[in-house]
Protein backbone atom coordinates (compact mmCIF):
# COMPACT_ATOMS: atom_id res chain seq x y z
CA MET A 1 20.13 64.31 -13.94
CA ASP A 2 22.17 63.82 -10.87
CA SER A 3 19.02 63.06 -8.98
CA VAL A 4 18.04 60.42 -11.49
CA LEU A 5 21.44 58.78 -11.08
CA ARG A 6 21.07 58.83 -7.34
CA VAL A 7 17.63 57.34 -7.59
CA GLN A 8 18.92 54.51 -9.87
CA ALA A 9 21.80 53.88 -7.45
CA ARG A 10 19.56 53.41 -4.62
CA ILE A 11 17.37 51.11 -6.55
CA GLY A 12 20.41 49.08 -7.59
CA GLN A 13 21.62 48.72 -3.97
CA ARG A 14 18.13 47.57 -2.83
CA ALA A 15 17.96 44.99 -5.54
CA LEU A 16 21.41 43.74 -4.57
CA LEU A 17 20.27 43.38 -0.97
CA LEU A 18 17.20 41.63 -1.83
CA THR A 19 19.08 39.29 -4.18
CA THR A 20 21.68 38.71 -1.45
CA ALA A 21 19.08 37.93 1.15
CA ALA A 22 17.32 35.65 -1.11
CA LEU A 23 20.21 33.40 -1.83
CA PRO A 24 20.19 31.58 1.61
CA LEU A 25 16.46 31.10 1.23
CA THR A 26 16.86 29.66 -2.16
CA GLY A 27 19.56 27.42 -0.94
CA TRP A 28 17.46 26.29 1.98
CA ALA A 29 14.54 25.54 -0.36
CA VAL A 30 16.62 23.27 -2.41
CA HIS A 31 17.89 21.56 0.63
CA ALA A 32 14.33 21.09 1.90
CA VAL A 33 13.16 19.51 -1.36
CA ALA A 34 16.08 17.20 -1.32
CA LEU A 35 15.53 16.30 2.31
CA HIS A 36 11.78 15.58 1.67
CA LYS A 37 12.80 13.30 -1.17
CA GLN A 38 15.10 11.40 0.97
CA LEU A 39 12.57 10.99 3.83
CA ALA A 40 10.09 9.82 1.28
CA ALA A 41 12.48 7.24 -0.08
CA THR A 42 13.00 5.88 3.50
CA ARG A 43 9.20 5.58 4.01
CA LYS A 44 8.64 3.59 0.78
CA ASP A 45 9.77 0.28 -0.57
CA PRO A 46 12.15 0.80 -3.54
CA LEU A 47 10.71 -1.98 -5.73
CA THR A 48 7.01 -1.45 -5.37
CA GLY A 49 6.66 2.19 -4.15
CA LEU A 50 4.44 1.10 -1.37
CA LEU A 51 4.97 2.11 2.26
CA ARG A 52 7.41 0.24 4.38
CA ARG A 53 6.01 -1.62 7.44
CA ASP A 54 6.67 1.26 9.92
CA SER A 55 5.10 3.92 7.76
CA TYR A 56 2.24 1.68 6.66
CA THR A 57 1.41 0.87 10.31
CA ALA A 58 1.34 4.45 11.44
CA ARG A 59 -1.01 5.51 8.54
CA ALA A 60 -3.08 2.47 8.89
CA ARG A 61 -3.70 3.15 12.62
CA ARG A 62 -4.67 6.80 11.84
CA LEU A 63 -7.31 5.52 9.31
CA LEU A 64 -8.66 3.09 11.82
CA ALA A 65 -9.10 5.82 14.45
CA ARG A 66 -10.65 8.11 12.04
CA HIS A 67 -13.09 5.89 10.17
CA GLY A 68 -13.65 3.01 12.78
CA ASP A 69 -16.28 0.52 11.66
CA ASP A 70 -16.24 1.76 8.13
CA THR A 71 -12.57 0.76 7.72
CA THR A 72 -11.44 -2.60 6.10
CA VAL A 73 -8.08 -4.29 6.60
CA VAL A 74 -6.96 -6.33 3.62
CA MET A 75 -4.11 -8.82 3.48
CA VAL A 76 -2.81 -9.98 0.13
CA ASP A 77 -0.36 -12.85 -0.69
CA ALA A 78 0.97 -13.66 -4.04
CA ASP A 79 0.25 -17.37 -5.13
CA ARG A 80 2.92 -19.57 -6.59
CA PHE A 81 5.45 -16.65 -6.47
CA LYS A 82 8.41 -19.01 -5.85
CA GLU A 83 7.46 -20.92 -9.03
CA ILE A 84 7.65 -17.64 -11.02
CA ASN A 85 10.98 -16.74 -9.59
CA ASP A 86 12.51 -20.22 -10.28
CA SER A 87 11.13 -20.66 -13.72
CA LEU A 88 11.34 -17.16 -15.07
CA GLY A 89 13.95 -15.46 -13.05
CA HIS A 90 14.12 -12.79 -10.34
CA ALA A 91 13.56 -10.00 -12.75
CA ALA A 92 10.23 -11.38 -13.68
CA GLY A 93 9.45 -11.90 -10.11
CA ASP A 94 10.21 -8.20 -9.48
CA THR A 95 7.99 -7.29 -12.34
CA VAL A 96 5.04 -9.34 -10.83
CA LEU A 97 5.55 -7.82 -7.31
CA ALA A 98 5.57 -4.31 -8.88
CA SER A 99 2.47 -5.05 -10.92
CA ILE A 100 0.59 -6.38 -7.80
CA ALA A 101 1.53 -3.22 -5.93
CA ALA A 102 0.38 -0.94 -8.84
CA ARG A 103 -2.90 -2.72 -8.91
CA LEU A 104 -3.36 -2.44 -5.01
CA THR A 105 -2.58 1.24 -5.29
CA ALA A 106 -5.14 1.87 -8.05
CA TRP A 107 -7.78 -0.18 -6.31
CA ALA A 108 -7.31 1.42 -2.86
CA GLY A 109 -6.93 4.96 -3.98
CA PRO A 110 -4.63 7.79 -2.56
CA ARG A 111 -6.21 8.03 0.88
CA ALA A 112 -5.54 4.45 1.80
CA ALA A 113 -2.51 2.84 3.63
CA ALA A 114 -0.88 0.37 1.17
CA GLY A 115 2.24 -1.41 2.35
CA ARG A 116 4.63 -4.12 1.41
CA LEU A 117 5.16 -6.17 4.64
CA GLY A 118 7.97 -8.35 3.15
CA GLY A 119 8.51 -10.62 0.28
CA ASP A 120 5.22 -11.32 -1.59
CA GLU A 121 2.99 -10.08 1.33
CA PHE A 122 1.06 -6.78 1.11
CA ALA A 123 -1.53 -5.04 3.28
CA VAL A 124 -4.05 -2.35 2.63
CA VAL A 125 -6.18 -0.44 5.17
CA LEU A 126 -8.83 1.78 3.61
CA GLU A 127 -12.19 3.30 4.31
CA LEU A 128 -14.64 0.68 2.99
CA PRO A 129 -17.92 0.31 4.68
CA ALA A 130 -19.98 -2.91 4.77
CA ALA A 131 -22.35 -1.83 2.03
CA ARG A 132 -19.64 -1.78 -0.60
CA ARG A 133 -17.27 -4.35 0.76
CA GLU A 134 -18.44 -7.32 -1.23
CA GLN A 135 -18.41 -5.61 -4.51
CA ARG A 136 -14.90 -3.91 -4.00
CA LEU A 137 -13.24 -7.07 -2.68
CA ALA A 138 -14.54 -9.01 -5.80
CA GLN A 139 -13.05 -6.20 -7.96
CA LEU A 140 -9.72 -6.55 -6.22
CA VAL A 141 -9.64 -10.31 -6.88
CA ARG A 142 -10.23 -9.72 -10.66
CA MET A 143 -7.53 -7.06 -10.85
CA LEU A 144 -4.99 -9.26 -9.04
CA HIS A 145 -5.72 -12.21 -11.43
CA THR A 146 -4.95 -10.22 -14.53
CA PRO A 147 -1.91 -11.62 -16.41
CA VAL A 148 1.25 -9.67 -16.29
CA VAL A 149 3.26 -8.70 -19.36
CA LEU A 150 7.05 -8.83 -18.89
CA GLU A 151 9.51 -6.48 -20.48
CA ASP A 152 10.49 -9.14 -23.12
CA GLY A 153 6.83 -9.59 -24.25
CA ARG A 154 6.17 -12.84 -22.30
CA THR A 155 2.78 -13.03 -20.36
CA VAL A 156 2.66 -14.48 -16.92
CA ASP A 157 -0.47 -15.80 -15.38
CA VAL A 158 -0.58 -14.48 -11.82
CA ALA A 159 -2.88 -14.90 -8.85
CA ALA A 160 -3.13 -13.71 -5.25
CA SER A 161 -5.01 -14.76 -2.11
CA VAL A 162 -6.91 -12.10 -0.34
CA GLY A 163 -8.30 -12.04 3.21
CA ALA A 164 -10.07 -9.04 4.77
CA ALA A 165 -11.20 -7.97 8.29
CA SER A 166 -13.24 -5.16 9.64
CA PRO A 167 -13.94 -3.76 13.06
CA ASP A 168 -17.61 -4.13 12.74
CA VAL A 169 -17.32 -7.77 12.29
CA ILE A 170 -14.34 -8.52 14.54
CA GLY A 171 -15.45 -6.20 17.25
CA ALA A 172 -12.04 -4.45 17.50
CA ARG A 173 -10.17 -1.61 16.02
CA ASP A 174 -6.67 -2.86 16.91
CA LEU A 175 -4.57 -3.15 13.65
CA THR A 176 -2.62 -6.12 14.93
CA ARG A 177 -5.76 -8.19 15.79
CA LEU A 178 -7.43 -7.16 12.52
CA GLN A 179 -4.33 -8.14 10.47
CA ARG A 180 -4.29 -11.50 12.29
CA ALA A 181 -7.92 -12.21 11.40
CA ALA A 182 -7.48 -11.15 7.85
CA ASP A 183 -4.41 -13.29 7.56
CA ALA A 184 -6.18 -16.28 8.92
CA ALA A 185 -9.01 -15.65 6.48
CA LEU A 186 -6.51 -15.36 3.65
CA TYR A 187 -5.26 -18.82 4.26
CA ASP A 188 -8.86 -20.28 4.53
CA GLY A 189 -9.13 -19.11 0.87
CA LYS A 190 -5.68 -19.81 -0.32
CA HIS A 191 -5.57 -20.62 -4.12
CA SER A 192 -9.32 -20.42 -4.19
CA GLY A 193 -9.52 -17.34 -6.38
CA ARG A 194 -11.82 -15.63 -3.94
CA ALA A 195 -11.53 -12.94 -1.14
CA VAL A 196 -12.36 -14.25 2.33
CA LEU A 197 -13.92 -11.97 5.01
CA ALA A 198 -12.81 -12.84 8.52
CA THR A 199 -15.29 -13.89 11.07
CA THR A 200 -14.95 -13.54 14.80
CA ALA A 201 -13.58 -17.14 14.97
CA HIS A 202 -10.67 -15.99 12.75
CA ALA A 203 -9.56 -13.57 15.35
CA THR A 204 -8.99 -16.23 17.97
CA VAL A 205 -7.19 -18.88 15.72
CA PRO A 206 -3.37 -19.17 16.72
CA SER A 207 -1.10 -18.35 13.89
CA VAL A 208 2.57 -19.46 13.49
CA ASN A 209 4.48 -17.98 10.64
CA ARG A 210 1.11 -17.17 8.99
CA ARG A 211 0.21 -20.90 8.89
CA ARG A 212 -2.43 -22.26 11.23
CA ALA A 213 -4.74 -25.28 11.71
CA GLY A 214 -8.44 -25.27 11.65
CA ARG A 215 -10.90 -23.72 9.21
CA PRO A 216 -13.48 -21.50 10.95
CA GLY A 217 -16.68 -20.57 8.97
CA THR A 218 -16.00 -18.01 6.19
CA ALA A 219 -17.65 -15.71 3.71
CA VAL A 220 -15.96 -15.77 0.40
CA TRP A 221 -16.45 -13.12 -2.43
CA GLY A 222 -15.28 -12.70 -5.97
CA ARG A 223 -14.32 -15.80 -7.98
CA ALA A 224 -11.48 -14.86 -10.14
CA ALA A 225 -12.16 -14.12 -13.81
């Protein structure tokens, strides 16, 4: 009987030691999870859940380096967004921005870099080769032109202008240059209801505050439904 008690005592001591040793690990695990959530929050825009500019840029450059000519850079700008804010209020404007972000995320997929660059300006970089580019950009335009339903049940007609650029057309894999070309293409098709693919001419057009003169030749895809 005494031997049984001694064995139980030893087992109890070992269990206590294991439990005591596990406590710091458990505390660290909780801290690590909390820290991960804090870091994720700093990387993402609180309204839309998209990446902030710095995090988007880092991920976009990795995608360009990995996929090269099969990558497409897409710039998106909400149309008549100020009118929505002024007529329906900022809460409605926030809902519209969040809806655009959700549609971009669904369209681009989890492996893409989708970011909010500021205000009503968004950017996406994803693996999208030339063979599927036309179909997918037309799909994006249709998604972005779907009305948004507000919390109070009102429906808002929304639209967004889309410009795209790709290394195989522009002849460069530099993110800044591709975004500039996509942005110039976007303004060529502003309010047209179509996505515009940048040509080499778009990469050389000067841009000031995303407004520029001149209209180089363009390819347009996807009339809004």
